[in-house]
Amino acid sequence: MSPVDAQHRLVEMWLHGKSQSTVAAYRRYITRFLGFLGKPLSEVTVEDLYAFSESLADLAPNTQTVNLACIKSVISFAQKIGYMQFNVGAALKLTKSADRLSERLLIQRDIQKMVWATEQAQYRYSSEKQRDLLMIKLFYTTGLRVSELTGLQWCNLVARGNQGQLTVIGKGNKSRSVIIPCELWAELMEFRGNAADDAPVFKSRKGGGHLDRSQINRIVEAAASRAGINKKVSPHWLRHAHATHALEAGADIGLVQQTLGHANVATTSRYLHHRPDNSSSLYIPRL
């Protein structure tokens, strides 16, 4: 096997089992790095890694961190399977990204305004208005990732009494189920009509296939704009809002972790303390 083939096989093995969106992003990061490196990955040095890090200076800090974390991961994997003798990536320290959750916080009133503005909006087709409205409600109510919503089929939704249950495959190909409250469930079933089990829940009017990520992003961003929210709101903001509002309402953090599909409760705990207008200092008796 040639060095080029061996390197390609290594990357494919490392990508195996990751979600489609993750694979696409990681391929871009690896391609960027290998283009910069100009030699086989097996010959990479610590100096190469720091030089690559400096070449990313024009990118946003979070983007730099994700790129470097990806490279460190593939190098670590290469060392584990014997492709490289040493894990030189271990010497490259990542800069901790600033937690920007507080800048992406939607209050409950914001969500309500997005729903109301969509209800009042002028659509050429009423079915598209109903689709967009239910999408916003489902994102907020269930905390789904956009990658999980894009592939939803009606067979992923089943009745549980007067409620519904939604089952998705999340990060790491892990399955989880989320309860859909009775009011939203009734709306979804009315929207479904006679659609087949394998039909998309949220389909494009042109072609009838699943809406893709960019289409869904535009729908959410448009709803926020109509609601007068002067920020570039994405579906992930609705996921943040779900976590924050559920915890504020007294939901157990373990339950929120399970609903969101977080592998580590530490990820969920970020939503407990990112409110800029709240702090434990406010609960300390005055001296």
C-alpha atoms as a PDB file:
ATOM      1  CA  MET A   1       0.000   0.000   0.000  1.00  0.00           C
ATOM      2  CA  SER A   2       1.382   3.397  -1.004  1.00  0.00           C
ATOM      3  CA  PRO A   3       1.855   6.147   1.628  1.00  0.00           C
ATOM      4  CA  VAL A   4      -0.999   8.113   0.037  1.00  0.00           C
ATOM      5  CA  ASP A   5      -3.342   5.111   0.211  1.00  0.00           C
ATOM      6  CA  ALA A   6      -2.310   4.397   3.799  1.00  0.00           C
ATOM      7  CA  GLN A   7      -3.017   7.977   4.806  1.00  0.00           C
ATOM      8  CA  HIS A   8      -6.407   7.920   3.067  1.00  0.00           C
ATOM      9  CA  ARG A   9      -7.287   4.658   4.807  1.00  0.00           C
ATOM     10  CA  LEU A  10      -6.254   6.137   8.153  1.00  0.00           C
ATOM     11  CA  VAL A  11      -8.530   9.162   7.715  1.00  0.00           C
ATOM     12  CA  GLU A  12     -11.457   6.985   6.622  1.00  0.00           C
ATOM     13  CA  MET A  13     -11.026   4.737   9.669  1.00  0.00           C
ATOM     14  CA  TRP A  14     -10.941   7.781  11.942  1.00  0.00           C
ATOM     15  CA  LEU A  15     -14.117   9.206  10.372  1.00  0.00           C
ATOM     16  CA  HIS A  16     -15.996   5.910  10.573  1.00  0.00           C
ATOM     17  CA  GLY A  17     -19.113   6.052  12.735  1.00  0.00           C
ATOM     18  CA  LYS A  18     -19.351   9.842  12.874  1.00  0.00           C
ATOM     19  CA  SER A  19     -22.472  11.661  11.693  1.00  0.00           C
ATOM     20  CA  GLN A  20     -22.751  12.868   8.097  1.00  0.00           C
ATOM     21  CA  SER A  21     -22.438  16.537   9.054  1.00  0.00           C
ATOM     22  CA  THR A  22     -19.432  15.830  11.300  1.00  0.00           C
ATOM     23  CA  VAL A  23     -17.703  13.856   8.546  1.00  0.00           C
ATOM     24  CA  ALA A  24     -18.204  16.726   6.082  1.00  0.00           C
ATOM     25  CA  ALA A  25     -16.755  19.265   8.504  1.00  0.00           C
ATOM     26  CA  TYR A  26     -13.813  17.066   9.550  1.00  0.00           C
ATOM     27  CA  ARG A  27     -12.903  16.371   5.927  1.00  0.00           C
ATOM     28  CA  ARG A  28     -12.605  20.118   5.348  1.00  0.00           C
ATOM     29  CA  TYR A  29     -10.358  20.530   8.391  1.00  0.00           C
ATOM     30  CA  ILE A  30      -8.125  17.589   7.450  1.00  0.00           C
ATOM     31  CA  THR A  31      -7.878  18.701   3.819  1.00  0.00           C
ATOM     32  CA  ARG A  32      -6.877  22.207   4.950  1.00  0.00           C
ATOM     33  CA  PHE A  33      -4.203  20.807   7.266  1.00  0.00           C
ATOM     34  CA  LEU A  34      -2.735  18.307   4.790  1.00  0.00           C
ATOM     35  CA  GLY A  35      -2.617  21.027   2.125  1.00  0.00           C
ATOM     36  CA  PHE A  36      -0.698  23.239   4.535  1.00  0.00           C
ATOM     37  CA  LEU A  37       1.573  20.388   5.646  1.00  0.00           C
ATOM     38  CA  GLY A  38       2.706  19.404   2.160  1.00  0.00           C
ATOM     39  CA  LYS A  39       4.059  16.043   3.302  1.00  0.00           C
ATOM     40  CA  PRO A  40       2.688  12.774   4.726  1.00  0.00           C
ATOM     41  CA  LEU A  41       0.903  13.005   8.055  1.00  0.00           C
ATOM     42  CA  SER A  42       3.339  10.428   9.438  1.00  0.00           C
ATOM     43  CA  GLU A  43       6.105  13.061   9.162  1.00  0.00           C
ATOM     44  CA  VAL A  44       4.326  15.850  11.033  1.00  0.00           C
ATOM     45  CA  THR A  45       6.264  17.601  13.804  1.00  0.00           C
ATOM     46  CA  VAL A  46       5.289  19.791  16.735  1.00  0.00           C
ATOM     47  CA  GLU A  47       6.737  22.750  14.830  1.00  0.00           C
ATOM     48  CA  ASP A  48       4.385  21.981  11.921  1.00  0.00           C
ATOM     49  CA  LEU A  49       1.417  22.023  14.265  1.00  0.00           C
ATOM     50  CA  TYR A  50       2.291  25.385  15.772  1.00  0.00           C
ATOM     51  CA  ALA A  51       2.924  26.819  12.312  1.00  0.00           C
ATOM     52  CA  PHE A  52      -0.492  25.584  11.202  1.00  0.00           C
ATOM     53  CA  SER A  53      -2.041  27.091  14.327  1.00  0.00           C
ATOM     54  CA  GLU A  54      -0.541  30.464  13.433  1.00  0.00           C
ATOM     55  CA  SER A  55      -1.880  30.167   9.874  1.00  0.00           C
ATOM     56  CA  LEU A  56      -5.430  30.087  11.277  1.00  0.00           C
ATOM     57  CA  ALA A  57      -5.062  33.477  12.975  1.00  0.00           C
ATOM     58  CA  ASP A  58      -7.597  35.177  10.681  1.00  0.00           C
ATOM     59  CA  LEU A  59     -10.353  32.733  11.648  1.00  0.00           C
ATOM     60  CA  ALA A  60     -12.723  33.143  14.576  1.00  0.00           C
ATOM     61  CA  PRO A  61     -11.284  31.768  17.861  1.00  0.00           C
ATOM     62  CA  ASN A  62     -13.857  28.965  18.073  1.00  0.00           C
ATOM     63  CA  THR A  63     -13.162  27.940  14.479  1.00  0.00           C
ATOM     64  CA  GLN A  64      -9.429  27.812  15.206  1.00  0.00           C
ATOM     65  CA  THR A  65     -10.050  25.619  18.249  1.00  0.00           C
ATOM     66  CA  VAL A  66     -12.300  23.191  16.357  1.00  0.00           C
ATOM     67  CA  ASN A  67      -9.760  22.882  13.518  1.00  0.00           C
ATOM     68  CA  LEU A  68      -6.892  22.160  15.897  1.00  0.00           C
ATOM     69  CA  ALA A  69      -8.918  19.766  18.045  1.00  0.00           C
ATOM     70  CA  CYS A  70      -9.739  17.810  14.899  1.00  0.00           C
ATOM     71  CA  ILE A  71      -6.068  17.569  13.899  1.00  0.00           C
ATOM     72  CA  LYS A  72      -5.037  16.541  17.423  1.00  0.00           C
ATOM     73  CA  SER A  73      -7.706  13.832  17.374  1.00  0.00           C
ATOM     74  CA  VAL A  74      -6.631  12.264  14.074  1.00  0.00           C
ATOM     75  CA  ILE A  75      -2.970  12.315  15.155  1.00  0.00           C
ATOM     76  CA  SER A  76      -3.855  10.640  18.438  1.00  0.00           C
ATOM     77  CA  PHE A  77      -5.785   7.987  16.520  1.00  0.00           C
ATOM     78  CA  ALA A  78      -2.865   7.486  14.117  1.00  0.00           C
ATOM     79  CA  GLN A  79      -0.500   6.844  17.036  1.00  0.00           C
ATOM     80  CA  LYS A  80      -2.928   4.414  18.689  1.00  0.00           C
ATOM     81  CA  ILE A  81      -3.191   2.193  15.605  1.00  0.00           C
ATOM     82  CA  GLY A  82       0.542   2.268  14.919  1.00  0.00           C
ATOM     83  CA  TYR A  83       0.555   4.600  11.916  1.00  0.00           C
ATOM     84  CA  MET A  84       2.736   7.038  13.871  1.00  0.00           C
ATOM     85  CA  GLN A  85       5.264   6.284  16.591  1.00  0.00           C
ATOM     86  CA  PHE A  86       4.536   9.345  18.717  1.00  0.00           C
ATOM     87  CA  ASN A  87       1.462  11.447  19.392  1.00  0.00           C
ATOM     88  CA  VAL A  88       3.018  14.818  18.579  1.00  0.00           C
ATOM     89  CA  GLY A  89      -0.401  16.454  18.796  1.00  0.00           C
ATOM     90  CA  ALA A  90      -0.358  16.084  22.583  1.00  0.00           C
ATOM     91  CA  ALA A  91       2.188  18.914  22.751  1.00  0.00           C
ATOM     92  CA  LEU A  92      -0.207  21.388  21.117  1.00  0.00           C
ATOM     93  CA  LYS A  93      -2.324  23.092  23.777  1.00  0.00           C
ATOM     94  CA  LEU A  94      -5.706  24.453  22.793  1.00  0.00           C
ATOM     95  CA  THR A  95      -6.901  27.846  23.884  1.00  0.00           C
ATOM     96  CA  LYS A  96     -10.123  27.494  25.815  1.00  0.00           C
ATOM     97  CA  SER A  97     -12.950  29.063  23.834  1.00  0.00           C
ATOM     98  CA  ALA A  98     -14.998  31.747  25.493  1.00  0.00           C
ATOM     99  CA  ASP A  99     -18.470  30.595  26.515  1.00  0.00           C
ATOM    100  CA  ARG A 100     -20.784  32.677  24.315  1.00  0.00           C
ATOM    101  CA  LEU A 101     -24.062  31.143  25.501  1.00  0.00           C
ATOM    102  CA  SER A 102     -25.227  34.370  27.108  1.00  0.00           C
ATOM    103  CA  GLU A 103     -24.995  36.067  23.716  1.00  0.00           C
ATOM    104  CA  ARG A 104     -27.277  33.446  22.173  1.00  0.00           C
ATOM    105  CA  LEU A 105     -29.991  33.553  24.803  1.00  0.00           C
ATOM    106  CA  LEU A 106     -33.614  33.819  23.713  1.00  0.00           C
ATOM    107  CA  ILE A 107     -36.106  34.582  26.464  1.00  0.00           C
ATOM    108  CA  GLN A 108     -39.527  32.945  26.418  1.00  0.00           C
ATOM    109  CA  ARG A 109     -41.071  36.123  25.070  1.00  0.00           C
ATOM    110  CA  ASP A 110     -38.729  35.917  22.057  1.00  0.00           C
ATOM    111  CA  ILE A 111     -39.956  32.404  21.260  1.00  0.00           C
ATOM    112  CA  GLN A 112     -43.566  33.505  21.590  1.00  0.00           C
ATOM    113  CA  LYS A 113     -42.922  36.428  19.233  1.00  0.00           C
ATOM    114  CA  MET A 114     -41.348  34.099  16.652  1.00  0.00           C
ATOM    115  CA  VAL A 115     -44.426  31.876  16.757  1.00  0.00           C
ATOM    116  CA  TRP A 116     -46.842  34.809  16.580  1.00  0.00           C
ATOM    117  CA  ALA A 117     -44.928  36.495  13.740  1.00  0.00           C
ATOM    118  CA  THR A 118     -44.976  33.263  11.731  1.00  0.00           C
ATOM    119  CA  GLU A 119     -48.698  32.892  12.317  1.00  0.00           C
ATOM    120  CA  GLN A 120     -49.259  36.441  11.014  1.00  0.00           C
ATOM    121  CA  ALA A 121     -46.873  36.186   8.072  1.00  0.00           C
ATOM    122  CA  GLN A 122     -48.127  36.141   4.492  1.00  0.00           C
ATOM    123  CA  TYR A 123     -47.300  32.810   2.831  1.00  0.00           C
ATOM    124  CA  ARG A 124     -48.121  31.803  -0.716  1.00  0.00           C
ATOM    125  CA  TYR A 125     -48.984  28.305   0.510  1.00  0.00           C
ATOM    126  CA  SER A 126     -50.730  27.751   3.855  1.00  0.00           C
ATOM    127  CA  SER A 127     -49.108  24.315   4.171  1.00  0.00           C
ATOM    128  CA  GLU A 128     -45.670  25.947   4.254  1.00  0.00           C
ATOM    129  CA  LYS A 129     -46.761  28.329   7.003  1.00  0.00           C
ATOM    130  CA  GLN A 130     -48.026  25.379   9.060  1.00  0.00           C
ATOM    131  CA  ARG A 131     -44.775  23.497   8.384  1.00  0.00           C
ATOM    132  CA  ASP A 132     -42.566  26.394   9.473  1.00  0.00           C
ATOM    133  CA  LEU A 133     -44.664  27.061  12.557  1.00  0.00           C
ATOM    134  CA  LEU A 134     -44.521  23.438  13.695  1.00  0.00           C
ATOM    135  CA  MET A 135     -40.786  23.302  13.004  1.00  0.00           C
ATOM    136  CA  ILE A 136     -40.118  26.226  15.339  1.00  0.00           C
ATOM    137  CA  LYS A 137     -42.367  24.730  18.012  1.00  0.00           C
ATOM    138  CA  LEU A 138     -40.733  21.302  17.713  1.00  0.00           C
ATOM    139  CA  PHE A 139     -37.190  22.709  17.881  1.00  0.00           C
ATOM    140  CA  TYR A 140     -38.004  24.616  21.058  1.00  0.00           C
ATOM    141  CA  THR A 141     -40.144  21.946  22.715  1.00  0.00           C
ATOM    142  CA  THR A 142     -37.789  19.011  22.116  1.00  0.00           C
ATOM    143  CA  GLY A 143     -34.352  20.667  21.900  1.00  0.00           C
ATOM    144  CA  LEU A 144     -33.487  18.763  18.720  1.00  0.00           C
ATOM    145  CA  ARG A 145     -30.304  19.448  16.766  1.00  0.00           C
ATOM    146  CA  VAL A 146     -30.862  20.623  13.207  1.00  0.00           C
ATOM    147  CA  SER A 147     -29.094  17.487  11.938  1.00  0.00           C
ATOM    148  CA  GLU A 148     -31.658  15.389  13.821  1.00  0.00           C
ATOM    149  CA  LEU A 149     -34.669  17.272  12.491  1.00  0.00           C
ATOM    150  CA  THR A 150     -33.610  17.234   8.834  1.00  0.00           C
ATOM    151  CA  GLY A 151     -34.044  13.466   8.506  1.00  0.00           C
ATOM    152  CA  LEU A 152     -37.259  13.073  10.500  1.00  0.00           C
ATOM    153  CA  GLN A 153     -39.840  10.718   9.044  1.00  0.00           C
ATOM    154  CA  TRP A 154     -43.340  10.105  10.370  1.00  0.00           C
ATOM    155  CA  CYS A 155     -42.315   6.607  11.452  1.00  0.00           C
ATOM    156  CA  ASN A 156     -40.010   8.291  14.006  1.00  0.00           C
ATOM    157  CA  LEU A 157     -43.094   9.658  15.791  1.00  0.00           C
ATOM    158  CA  VAL A 158     -45.447   7.349  17.713  1.00  0.00           C
ATOM    159  CA  ALA A 159     -48.463   7.976  19.937  1.00  0.00           C
ATOM    160  CA  ARG A 160     -48.161   7.583  23.702  1.00  0.00           C
ATOM    161  CA  GLY A 161     -51.675   8.082  25.018  1.00  0.00           C
ATOM    162  CA  ASN A 162     -52.676  11.628  24.124  1.00  0.00           C
ATOM    163  CA  GLN A 163     -49.019  12.590  23.785  1.00  0.00           C
ATOM    164  CA  GLY A 164     -46.386  11.608  21.277  1.00  0.00           C
ATOM    165  CA  GLN A 165     -42.871  10.198  21.388  1.00  0.00           C
ATOM    166  CA  LEU A 166     -40.099  11.173  19.015  1.00  0.00           C
ATOM    167  CA  THR A 167     -37.080   8.918  18.481  1.00  0.00           C
ATOM    168  CA  VAL A 168     -33.917  10.222  16.830  1.00  0.00           C
ATOM    169  CA  ILE A 169     -30.355   9.069  16.238  1.00  0.00           C
ATOM    170  CA  GLY A 170     -28.059  11.728  17.668  1.00  0.00           C
ATOM    171  CA  LYS A 171     -24.318  12.224  17.964  1.00  0.00           C
ATOM    172  CA  GLY A 172     -22.307   9.039  18.151  1.00  0.00           C
ATOM    173  CA  ASN A 173     -25.213   7.172  16.518  1.00  0.00           C
ATOM    174  CA  LYS A 174     -26.959   7.052  19.900  1.00  0.00           C
ATOM    175  CA  SER A 175     -30.723   6.713  19.935  1.00  0.00           C
ATOM    176  CA  ARG A 176     -32.904   8.726  22.301  1.00  0.00           C
ATOM    177  CA  SER A 177     -36.608   9.393  22.734  1.00  0.00           C
ATOM    178  CA  VAL A 178     -38.308  12.683  23.590  1.00  0.00           C
ATOM    179  CA  ILE A 179     -41.913  13.212  24.686  1.00  0.00           C
ATOM    180  CA  ILE A 180     -44.062  15.558  22.599  1.00  0.00           C
ATOM    181  CA  PRO A 181     -46.747  17.293  24.717  1.00  0.00           C
ATOM    182  CA  CYS A 182     -50.373  16.626  23.782  1.00  0.00           C
ATOM    183  CA  GLU A 183     -51.124  20.053  22.247  1.00  0.00           C
ATOM    184  CA  LEU A 184     -48.162  19.943  19.879  1.00  0.00           C
ATOM    185  CA  TRP A 185     -48.801  16.270  19.147  1.00  0.00           C
ATOM    186  CA  ALA A 186     -52.358  17.056  18.013  1.00  0.00           C
ATOM    187  CA  GLU A 187     -51.051  19.815  15.723  1.00  0.00           C
ATOM    188  CA  LEU A 188     -48.481  17.470  14.207  1.00  0.00           C
ATOM    189  CA  MET A 189     -51.054  14.756  13.554  1.00  0.00           C
ATOM    190  CA  GLU A 190     -53.365  17.260  11.856  1.00  0.00           C
ATOM    191  CA  PHE A 191     -50.428  18.445   9.747  1.00  0.00           C
ATOM    192  CA  ARG A 192     -49.534  14.864   8.799  1.00  0.00           C
ATOM    193  CA  GLY A 193     -52.859  14.069   7.172  1.00  0.00           C
ATOM    194  CA  ASN A 194     -52.445  10.869   5.138  1.00  0.00           C
ATOM    195  CA  ALA A 195     -48.660  11.039   4.772  1.00  0.00           C
ATOM    196  CA  ALA A 196     -46.894   7.659   4.648  1.00  0.00           C
ATOM    197  CA  ASP A 197     -44.667   6.445   7.458  1.00  0.00           C
ATOM    198  CA  ASP A 198     -41.524   6.960   5.361  1.00  0.00           C
ATOM    199  CA  ALA A 199     -42.493  10.485   4.266  1.00  0.00           C
ATOM    200  CA  PRO A 200     -40.475  13.457   5.577  1.00  0.00           C
ATOM    201  CA  VAL A 201     -42.073  15.297   8.482  1.00  0.00           C
ATOM    202  CA  PHE A 202     -40.764  18.596   7.132  1.00  0.00           C
ATOM    203  CA  LYS A 203     -40.555  18.417   3.372  1.00  0.00           C
ATOM    204  CA  SER A 204     -39.611  20.827   0.639  1.00  0.00           C
ATOM    205  CA  ARG A 205     -42.457  21.974  -1.598  1.00  0.00           C
ATOM    206  CA  LYS A 206     -40.205  21.461  -4.607  1.00  0.00           C
ATOM    207  CA  GLY A 207     -39.459  17.779  -5.014  1.00  0.00           C
ATOM    208  CA  GLY A 208     -41.115  16.669  -1.795  1.00  0.00           C
ATOM    209  CA  GLY A 209     -37.867  15.557  -0.154  1.00  0.00           C
ATOM    210  CA  HIS A 210     -36.462  16.505   3.232  1.00  0.00           C
ATOM    211  CA  LEU A 211     -35.623  20.136   3.851  1.00  0.00           C
ATOM    212  CA  ASP A 212     -31.856  20.502   4.075  1.00  0.00           C
ATOM    213  CA  ARG A 213     -29.892  22.275   6.789  1.00  0.00           C
ATOM    214  CA  SER A 214     -29.564  25.563   4.903  1.00  0.00           C
ATOM    215  CA  GLN A 215     -33.310  25.728   4.179  1.00  0.00           C
ATOM    216  CA  ILE A 216     -34.134  25.108   7.829  1.00  0.00           C
ATOM    217  CA  ASN A 217     -31.631  27.738   8.951  1.00  0.00           C
ATOM    218  CA  ARG A 218     -33.268  30.276   6.643  1.00  0.00           C
ATOM    219  CA  ILE A 219     -36.746  29.471   7.968  1.00  0.00           C
ATOM    220  CA  VAL A 220     -35.696  29.994  11.591  1.00  0.00           C
ATOM    221  CA  GLU A 221     -33.697  33.114  10.798  1.00  0.00           C
ATOM    222  CA  ALA A 222     -36.662  34.586   8.898  1.00  0.00           C
ATOM    223  CA  ALA A 223     -39.022  33.890  11.817  1.00  0.00           C
ATOM    224  CA  ALA A 224     -36.668  35.697  14.197  1.00  0.00           C
ATOM    225  CA  SER A 225     -36.339  38.635  11.818  1.00  0.00           C
ATOM    226  CA  ARG A 226     -40.118  38.959  11.516  1.00  0.00           C
ATOM    227  CA  ALA A 227     -40.303  38.910  15.317  1.00  0.00           C
ATOM    228  CA  GLY A 228     -37.954  41.899  15.516  1.00  0.00           C
ATOM    229  CA  ILE A 229     -35.026  39.942  16.966  1.00  0.00           C
ATOM    230  CA  ASN A 230     -31.984  41.708  15.545  1.00  0.00           C
ATOM    231  CA  LYS A 231     -29.624  38.758  15.736  1.00  0.00           C
ATOM    232  CA  LYS A 232     -28.796  35.953  13.332  1.00  0.00           C
ATOM    233  CA  VAL A 233     -30.838  33.299  15.136  1.00  0.00           C
ATOM    234  CA  SER A 234     -30.223  29.672  14.165  1.00  0.00           C
ATOM    235  CA  PRO A 235     -32.029  26.455  15.167  1.00  0.00           C
ATOM    236  CA  HIS A 236     -29.322  25.866  17.777  1.00  0.00           C
ATOM    237  CA  TRP A 237     -30.504  28.995  19.609  1.00  0.00           C
ATOM    238  CA  LEU A 238     -33.839  27.238  20.121  1.00  0.00           C
ATOM    239  CA  ARG A 239     -31.978  24.252  21.560  1.00  0.00           C
ATOM    240  CA  HIS A 240     -30.172  26.614  23.954  1.00  0.00           C
ATOM    241  CA  ALA A 241     -33.512  28.156  24.897  1.00  0.00           C
ATOM    242  CA  HIS A 242     -35.016  24.729  25.583  1.00  0.00           C
ATOM    243  CA  ALA A 243     -32.210  23.818  27.977  1.00  0.00           C
ATOM    244  CA  THR A 244     -32.166  27.164  29.750  1.00  0.00           C
ATOM    245  CA  HIS A 245     -35.923  27.496  30.186  1.00  0.00           C
ATOM    246  CA  ALA A 246     -36.395  23.877  31.293  1.00  0.00           C
ATOM    247  CA  LEU A 247     -33.724  24.213  33.981  1.00  0.00           C
ATOM    248  CA  GLU A 248     -35.108  27.566  35.110  1.00  0.00           C
ATOM    249  CA  ALA A 249     -38.543  25.952  35.452  1.00  0.00           C
ATOM    250  CA  GLY A 250     -37.097  23.296  37.771  1.00  0.00           C
ATOM    251  CA  ALA A 251     -36.440  20.365  35.416  1.00  0.00           C
ATOM    252  CA  ASP A 252     -33.865  17.910  36.746  1.00  0.00           C
ATOM    253  CA  ILE A 253     -30.502  18.436  35.043  1.00  0.00           C
ATOM    254  CA  GLY A 254     -30.222  14.694  34.346  1.00  0.00           C
ATOM    255  CA  LEU A 255     -33.541  14.766  32.513  1.00  0.00           C
ATOM    256  CA  VAL A 256     -32.440  17.756  30.415  1.00  0.00           C
ATOM    257  CA  GLN A 257     -29.180  15.952  29.637  1.00  0.00           C
ATOM    258  CA  GLN A 258     -31.142  12.904  28.483  1.00  0.00           C
ATOM    259  CA  THR A 259     -33.552  14.964  26.372  1.00  0.00           C
ATOM    260  CA  LEU A 260     -30.767  16.877  24.629  1.00  0.00           C
ATOM    261  CA  GLY A 261     -28.576  13.814  24.136  1.00  0.00           C
ATOM    262  CA  HIS A 262     -25.539  15.246  25.918  1.00  0.00           C
ATOM    263  CA  ALA A 263     -22.917  12.583  26.585  1.00  0.00           C
ATOM    264  CA  ASN A 264     -21.665  14.462  29.657  1.00  0.00           C
ATOM    265  CA  VAL A 265     -23.771  16.298  32.233  1.00  0.00           C
ATOM    266  CA  ALA A 266     -21.035  18.955  32.361  1.00  0.00           C
ATOM    267  CA  THR A 267     -22.217  20.118  28.938  1.00  0.00           C
ATOM    268  CA  THR A 268     -25.759  20.515  30.242  1.00  0.00           C
ATOM    269  CA  SER A 269     -24.554  22.312  33.363  1.00  0.00           C
ATOM    270  CA  ARG A 270     -23.345  25.232  31.228  1.00  0.00           C
ATOM    271  CA  TYR A 271     -26.958  26.308  30.958  1.00  0.00           C
ATOM    272  CA  LEU A 272     -27.195  26.704  34.714  1.00  0.00           C
ATOM    273  CA  HIS A 273     -24.845  29.640  34.999  1.00  0.00           C
ATOM    274  CA  HIS A 274     -24.605  31.577  31.776  1.00  0.00           C
ATOM    275  CA  ARG A 275     -27.342  34.143  32.499  1.00  0.00           C
ATOM    276  CA  PRO A 276     -25.587  37.539  32.555  1.00  0.00           C
ATOM    277  CA  ASP A 277     -28.300  38.999  34.813  1.00  0.00           C
ATOM    278  CA  ASN A 278     -28.132  36.282  37.449  1.00  0.00           C
ATOM    279  CA  SER A 279     -25.451  35.109  39.863  1.00  0.00           C
ATOM    280  CA  SER A 280     -25.227  33.266  43.164  1.00  0.00           C
ATOM    281  CA  SER A 281     -23.972  36.559  44.610  1.00  0.00           C
ATOM    282  CA  LEU A 282     -27.580  37.744  44.585  1.00  0.00           C
ATOM    283  CA  TYR A 283     -28.486  34.977  47.042  1.00  0.00           C
ATOM    284  CA  ILE A 284     -25.863  35.927  49.649  1.00  0.00           C
ATOM    285  CA  PRO A 285     -27.179  37.913  52.664  1.00  0.00           C
ATOM    286  CA  ARG A 286     -26.108  41.536  52.726  1.00  0.00           C
ATOM    287  CA  LEU A 287     -23.374  42.397  55.199  1.00  0.00           C
END
